[in-house]
Amino acid sequence: MNRRLLITLLVATGLLVLPATAAARVNVAVGIGDQSPQMFADPNWKALKLTKARYFVEWNAIDKPDKLARVDQYVMAARAAKVKVLMHISVDDINSKPRRPLPSVRQYRSKVGALVARYRPAGVTEWGVWNEANHSSQPTQKNAKRAAEFYRSFRTIRCSGCKIVALDVLDQAGVEGYIQRWFKAAGTVGRNSNIVFGIHNYSEVNRRLGAKRKRTESFKKYPGTPRIIRAVRRQNKKAKFWYTETGGLARFGSFGCNRTRQANRTTYMFTLAKRHRKDVNRLYSYNWYGTNCVSFDAGLVERNGAARAAYRTFRNQMRNFRR
């Protein structure tokens, strides 16, 4: 009997059992988002054997030699480590108050087009149109139309073989309306069958729901992955989704410093990835280096590189995920 046919028959009858790791593999590719090129030389990073990373870049970085030098360093370090970079366009100063004004579509295409021309030859073929477009730190927060115009503009930039994250949103109140307005402005290109949408599901990953009433209130304020997916699917049945930014928080806002909770929430991050694996096929955990709980801190390792409990959780969970 043909050997391949024999194996097929044994598997079908249950007489041949495949290894548990192969059976449990989840078809979601995992990477890390971080701004530091030193990450790629970290022994803890190397131990994970990851091949994907995410970096956000200021939309007009092409005009800022100091910022551009940092991007160069990151891209070169990633390339040397054989890591694919998702380059995500963002506001030029995320900490500015008041927020920086939105660039015009013409300005966007000129500056972002120059970035693509610089980094496409270095292997950067995955781009996000605008980072976390509906968040208050971004000038696109109240202008879904402009976010859609940026997507339409990016599509005209010469970037052979590139993948584009068309819209990138945080799971917060009002996200469904933002998505609806974006599609209205995007028009027919928003219904492209190959379109990718980015989800930041920090709220879903990190917030524990209490009593039924609290669950209802929290669900309104912090809509998670399924509601974002449904809102997109109403407009585009074939859209694809990536968790472009997610992770267990050690500290942020009302979340006091708690590394044990961070590890627990990191486990839940992977649980949600498994739950939504039919729709979501990539995940970028943010980020690598912690801040010693001084400010926003979702690092898998301490500032000095020491592994946290969240790192060990991440490493163990990666046995069941793609790289």
Protein backbone atom coordinates (compact mmCIF):
# COMPACT_ATOMS: atom_id res chain seq x y z
CA MET A 1 0.00 0.00 0.00
CA ASN A 2 1.17 3.56 -0.76
CA ARG A 3 2.80 5.04 2.40
CA ARG A 4 0.92 8.34 2.16
CA LEU A 5 -2.39 6.52 1.79
CA LEU A 6 -1.56 4.31 4.77
CA ILE A 7 -0.85 7.32 7.00
CA THR A 8 -4.09 8.98 5.86
CA LEU A 9 -6.08 5.87 6.78
CA LEU A 10 -4.39 5.52 10.18
CA VAL A 11 -5.11 9.17 11.05
CA ALA A 12 -8.72 8.84 9.90
CA THR A 13 -9.27 5.74 12.05
CA GLY A 14 -7.51 7.19 15.06
CA LEU A 15 -4.74 4.59 15.05
CA LEU A 16 -2.10 7.23 14.40
CA VAL A 17 -2.08 10.23 16.76
CA LEU A 18 -0.36 13.40 15.66
CA PRO A 19 1.88 15.24 18.17
CA ALA A 20 -0.09 17.48 20.54
CA THR A 21 1.89 20.57 19.53
CA ALA A 22 0.90 20.16 15.88
CA ALA A 23 -2.75 19.61 16.74
CA ALA A 24 -2.87 22.64 19.05
CA ARG A 25 -1.16 25.12 16.71
CA VAL A 26 -3.23 28.29 16.31
CA ASN A 27 -3.06 29.96 12.92
CA VAL A 28 -2.24 33.38 14.35
CA ALA A 29 1.24 34.83 13.76
CA VAL A 30 2.71 36.72 16.72
CA GLY A 31 5.16 39.60 16.87
CA ILE A 32 6.24 42.41 19.22
CA GLY A 33 5.81 46.16 18.96
CA ASP A 34 8.63 48.27 20.40
CA GLN A 35 10.63 51.36 19.46
CA SER A 36 14.04 50.09 20.56
CA PRO A 37 16.42 48.40 18.09
CA GLN A 38 18.27 46.93 21.09
CA MET A 39 15.38 44.48 21.41
CA PHE A 40 16.71 42.39 18.53
CA ALA A 41 20.00 41.73 20.36
CA ASP A 42 18.31 40.77 23.64
CA PRO A 43 18.86 37.06 24.48
CA ASN A 44 15.26 36.84 25.70
CA TRP A 45 14.06 38.09 22.31
CA LYS A 46 16.27 35.65 20.45
CA ALA A 47 14.91 32.78 22.53
CA LEU A 48 11.40 33.45 21.19
CA LYS A 49 12.51 33.11 17.55
CA LEU A 50 10.00 35.76 16.46
CA THR A 51 10.06 37.08 12.90
CA LYS A 52 7.69 40.07 13.15
CA ALA A 53 7.90 43.47 14.84
CA ARG A 54 5.92 46.71 14.74
CA TYR A 55 7.30 50.24 14.81
CA PHE A 56 5.35 53.49 14.68
CA VAL A 57 6.85 56.43 12.84
CA GLU A 58 5.89 60.10 12.72
CA TRP A 59 4.17 60.94 9.45
CA ASN A 60 6.70 63.71 8.72
CA ALA A 61 9.81 61.95 10.04
CA ILE A 62 11.39 62.35 6.62
CA ASP A 63 11.96 66.03 7.55
CA LYS A 64 13.58 65.25 10.93
CA PRO A 65 17.15 63.91 10.64
CA ASP A 66 17.31 62.83 14.30
CA LYS A 67 14.04 60.87 14.07
CA LEU A 68 15.00 59.45 10.69
CA ALA A 69 18.30 58.18 12.11
CA ARG A 70 16.37 56.23 14.76
CA VAL A 71 14.12 54.67 12.14
CA ASP A 72 17.17 53.74 10.06
CA GLN A 73 18.77 52.08 13.06
CA TYR A 74 15.60 50.11 13.86
CA VAL A 75 15.04 48.93 10.30
CA MET A 76 18.67 47.89 9.87
CA ALA A 77 18.69 46.00 13.19
CA ALA A 78 15.44 44.23 12.29
CA ARG A 79 16.76 43.31 8.86
CA ALA A 80 19.97 41.91 10.35
CA ALA A 81 17.84 39.81 12.70
CA LYS A 82 15.65 38.66 9.77
CA VAL A 83 12.59 40.30 11.28
CA LYS A 84 9.75 41.74 9.17
CA VAL A 85 8.71 45.25 10.25
CA LEU A 86 5.16 46.61 10.21
CA MET A 87 5.74 50.38 9.93
CA HIS A 88 2.79 52.31 11.32
CA ILE A 89 2.30 56.01 10.55
CA SER A 90 1.45 58.20 13.56
CA VAL A 91 1.14 61.74 14.84
CA ASP A 92 4.37 63.77 14.91
CA ASP A 93 4.27 64.37 18.66
CA ILE A 94 1.97 62.06 20.58
CA ASN A 95 2.48 64.04 23.83
CA SER A 96 1.69 67.48 22.41
CA LYS A 97 -1.09 69.53 24.02
CA PRO A 98 -3.11 70.72 22.25
CA ARG A 99 -2.88 68.01 19.63
CA ARG A 100 -0.97 68.70 16.46
CA PRO A 101 -3.19 69.65 13.50
CA LEU A 102 -3.95 67.01 10.90
CA PRO A 103 -1.76 67.03 7.82
CA SER A 104 -3.55 67.63 4.55
CA VAL A 105 -3.94 64.66 2.22
CA ARG A 106 -1.35 66.23 -0.07
CA GLN A 107 1.13 66.63 2.82
CA TYR A 108 0.46 63.07 3.94
CA ARG A 109 1.12 61.58 0.53
CA SER A 110 4.30 63.60 0.05
CA LYS A 111 5.89 62.79 3.44
CA VAL A 112 4.66 59.21 3.79
CA GLY A 113 5.50 58.52 0.16
CA ALA A 114 9.08 59.60 0.90
CA LEU A 115 9.22 57.22 3.87
CA VAL A 116 7.98 54.35 1.71
CA ALA A 117 10.57 55.19 -0.96
CA ARG A 118 13.29 55.10 1.72
CA TYR A 119 12.32 51.90 3.50
CA ARG A 120 10.65 49.76 0.84
CA PRO A 121 14.08 48.88 -0.65
CA ALA A 122 15.16 47.84 2.88
CA GLY A 123 12.36 45.27 2.97
CA VAL A 124 9.60 47.22 4.74
CA THR A 125 6.53 46.07 2.83
CA GLU A 126 3.90 46.25 5.60
CA TRP A 127 2.49 49.67 6.46
CA GLY A 128 -0.25 51.03 8.69
CA VAL A 129 -2.05 54.12 7.38
CA TRP A 130 -2.49 55.76 10.82
CA ASN A 131 -1.90 54.46 14.32
CA GLU A 132 -4.93 54.16 16.66
CA ALA A 133 -6.96 56.61 14.60
CA ASN A 134 -9.89 56.98 17.03
CA HIS A 135 -7.84 57.73 20.16
CA SER A 136 -7.68 61.18 21.78
CA SER A 137 -3.89 61.36 21.30
CA GLN A 138 -4.37 61.32 17.53
CA PRO A 139 -5.62 64.26 15.43
CA THR A 140 -7.74 61.79 13.44
CA GLN A 141 -9.90 61.10 16.52
CA LYS A 142 -12.78 63.27 15.30
CA ASN A 143 -12.08 62.97 11.62
CA ALA A 144 -12.76 59.46 10.32
CA LYS A 145 -13.17 60.99 6.87
CA ARG A 146 -9.56 62.19 6.83
CA ALA A 147 -8.37 58.78 8.07
CA ALA A 148 -10.19 57.23 5.09
CA GLU A 149 -8.68 59.82 2.74
CA PHE A 150 -5.24 58.90 4.03
CA TYR A 151 -5.95 55.27 3.13
CA ARG A 152 -7.09 56.20 -0.35
CA SER A 153 -3.96 58.34 -0.71
CA PHE A 154 -1.63 55.60 0.55
CA ARG A 155 -2.97 53.26 -2.12
CA THR A 156 -1.58 55.62 -4.76
CA ILE A 157 1.94 55.48 -3.30
CA ARG A 158 4.32 53.27 -5.24
CA CYS A 159 4.90 50.29 -2.94
CA SER A 160 5.11 47.06 -4.92
CA GLY A 161 3.92 43.99 -3.00
CA CYS A 162 3.03 45.97 0.12
CA LYS A 163 0.33 45.09 2.64
CA ILE A 164 -1.60 48.00 4.14
CA VAL A 165 -3.45 48.21 7.45
CA ALA A 166 -6.25 50.49 6.26
CA LEU A 167 -7.75 51.50 9.61
CA ASP A 168 -6.41 51.00 13.12
CA VAL A 169 -8.75 51.48 16.11
CA LEU A 170 -8.86 51.15 19.88
CA ASP A 171 -11.72 49.29 21.58
CA GLN A 172 -13.34 52.31 23.19
CA ALA A 173 -16.78 53.90 23.21
CA GLY A 174 -17.86 55.18 19.80
CA VAL A 175 -15.59 52.89 17.79
CA GLU A 176 -18.47 51.41 15.80
CA GLY A 177 -19.66 54.84 14.67
CA TYR A 178 -16.08 55.75 13.75
CA ILE A 179 -15.83 52.64 11.58
CA GLN A 180 -19.13 53.44 9.87
CA ARG A 181 -18.00 57.01 9.07
CA TRP A 182 -14.67 55.70 7.79
CA PHE A 183 -16.38 53.32 5.36
CA LYS A 184 -18.68 56.06 4.11
CA ALA A 185 -15.69 58.21 3.26
CA ALA A 186 -13.57 55.34 1.90
CA GLY A 187 -16.17 54.40 -0.70
CA THR A 188 -15.61 51.38 -2.91
CA VAL A 189 -11.93 50.93 -1.92
CA GLY A 190 -13.11 50.16 1.61
CA ARG A 191 -14.73 47.02 0.27
CA ASN A 192 -11.54 45.64 -1.23
CA SER A 193 -11.43 41.90 -0.44
CA ASN A 194 -7.76 42.07 0.60
CA ILE A 195 -8.19 44.90 3.10
CA VAL A 196 -6.68 44.58 6.61
CA PHE A 197 -8.04 46.30 9.73
CA GLY A 198 -6.03 46.80 12.91
CA ILE A 199 -7.50 46.30 16.39
CA HIS A 200 -6.09 47.53 19.72
CA ASN A 201 -8.02 45.54 22.33
CA TYR A 202 -6.34 46.74 25.53
CA SER A 203 -9.67 47.22 27.29
CA GLU A 204 -10.90 43.73 26.50
CA VAL A 205 -7.61 42.17 27.57
CA ASN A 206 -7.10 44.09 30.80
CA ARG A 207 -10.51 44.90 32.28
CA ARG A 208 -12.24 42.34 34.49
CA LEU A 209 -16.04 42.53 34.42
CA GLY A 210 -17.97 42.31 37.66
CA ALA A 211 -21.71 42.00 38.27
CA LYS A 212 -24.21 41.86 35.39
CA ARG A 213 -24.96 45.57 35.53
CA LYS A 214 -21.27 46.40 35.54
CA ARG A 215 -20.72 44.07 32.61
CA THR A 216 -23.40 45.90 30.62
CA GLU A 217 -21.98 49.33 31.44
CA SER A 218 -18.44 48.21 30.74
CA PHE A 219 -19.47 46.64 27.44
CA LYS A 220 -20.89 49.98 26.29
CA LYS A 221 -17.77 51.87 27.32
CA TYR A 222 -15.20 49.29 26.26
CA PRO A 223 -16.46 47.39 23.22
CA GLY A 224 -14.11 44.54 22.43
CA THR A 225 -12.96 42.56 19.43
CA PRO A 226 -16.30 40.98 18.38
CA ARG A 227 -18.11 44.31 18.13
CA ILE A 228 -15.29 45.83 16.06
CA ILE A 229 -15.31 42.83 13.75
CA ARG A 230 -19.10 42.99 13.36
CA ALA A 231 -18.98 46.71 12.60
CA VAL A 232 -16.44 46.10 9.83
CA ARG A 233 -18.22 43.00 8.51
CA ARG A 234 -21.42 45.02 7.97
CA GLN A 235 -19.47 46.94 5.34
CA ASN A 236 -16.95 44.37 4.12
CA LYS A 237 -17.65 40.64 4.45
CA LYS A 238 -14.14 39.54 3.46
CA ALA A 239 -12.01 41.89 5.57
CA LYS A 240 -9.02 40.55 7.48
CA PHE A 241 -7.97 41.60 10.99
CA TRP A 242 -4.73 41.98 12.91
CA TYR A 243 -4.25 42.82 16.57
CA THR A 244 -1.80 45.58 15.71
CA GLU A 245 -1.38 46.49 19.38
CA THR A 246 -2.39 44.62 22.49
CA GLY A 247 -0.88 43.32 25.71
CA GLY A 248 -1.12 42.82 29.43
CA LEU A 249 -0.58 46.04 31.37
CA ALA A 250 1.80 46.25 34.32
CA ARG A 251 0.74 49.84 34.87
CA PHE A 252 -1.46 52.39 33.16
CA GLY A 253 -3.93 54.95 34.50
CA SER A 254 -6.15 53.27 37.09
CA PHE A 255 -4.13 50.06 36.79
CA GLY A 256 -1.57 50.28 39.58
CA CYS A 257 1.77 48.53 39.20
CA ASN A 258 1.13 44.78 39.30
CA ARG A 259 3.38 42.41 37.35
CA THR A 260 1.40 39.34 38.45
CA ARG A 261 -1.79 40.78 36.98
CA GLN A 262 0.15 41.59 33.82
CA ALA A 263 1.13 37.94 33.39
CA ASN A 264 -2.47 36.85 33.95
CA ARG A 265 -3.72 39.32 31.34
CA THR A 266 -1.04 38.18 28.92
CA THR A 267 -2.51 34.69 29.14
CA TYR A 268 -5.94 36.17 28.41
CA MET A 269 -4.52 38.03 25.41
CA PHE A 270 -3.64 34.68 23.86
CA THR A 271 -7.01 33.23 24.91
CA LEU A 272 -8.76 35.96 22.93
CA ALA A 273 -6.48 35.36 19.96
CA LYS A 274 -7.55 31.70 19.95
CA ARG A 275 -11.20 32.68 20.35
CA HIS A 276 -11.12 34.98 17.33
CA ARG A 277 -8.68 33.00 15.18
CA LYS A 278 -11.21 32.69 12.35
CA ASP A 279 -11.06 36.46 11.88
CA VAL A 280 -7.75 37.61 13.40
CA ASN A 281 -4.59 36.12 11.92
CA ARG A 282 -1.85 38.28 13.41
CA LEU A 283 -1.02 39.72 16.85
CA TYR A 284 1.56 42.31 17.93
CA SER A 285 2.07 42.46 21.68
CA TYR A 286 3.15 45.88 22.95
CA ASN A 287 5.81 46.22 24.17
CA TRP A 288 9.24 44.78 24.99
CA TYR A 289 10.97 47.03 27.54
CA GLY A 290 9.12 48.13 30.67
CA THR A 291 9.44 51.50 32.37
CA ASN A 292 9.88 50.18 35.94
CA CYS A 293 6.20 51.08 36.40
CA VAL A 294 7.05 54.79 36.23
CA SER A 295 4.52 55.46 33.45
CA PHE A 296 2.66 53.36 30.87
CA ASP A 297 4.22 49.93 31.27
CA ALA A 298 3.35 46.81 29.26
CA GLY A 299 6.92 45.55 28.87
CA LEU A 300 7.63 41.84 28.81
CA VAL A 301 11.06 42.49 30.28
CA GLU A 302 12.38 45.07 32.73
CA ARG A 303 14.28 48.10 31.53
CA ASN A 304 17.53 46.24 32.29
CA GLY A 305 16.37 43.24 30.23
CA ALA A 306 15.41 40.94 33.11
CA ALA A 307 12.49 38.69 32.16
CA ARG A 308 9.15 39.32 33.86
CA ALA A 309 6.47 36.76 34.66
CA ALA A 310 4.62 38.12 31.60
CA TYR A 311 7.58 37.16 29.43
CA ARG A 312 7.56 33.61 30.72
CA THR A 313 3.81 33.43 30.07
CA PHE A 314 4.35 34.80 26.57
CA ARG A 315 7.12 32.27 25.86
CA ASN A 316 5.00 29.35 27.04
CA GLN A 317 1.96 30.45 25.04
CA MET A 318 4.06 30.81 21.88
CA ARG A 319 4.35 27.02 21.69
CA ASN A 320 0.85 27.03 20.20
CA PHE A 321 1.18 30.02 17.86
CA ARG A 322 2.95 30.87 14.62
CA ARG A 323 5.87 33.24 14.34
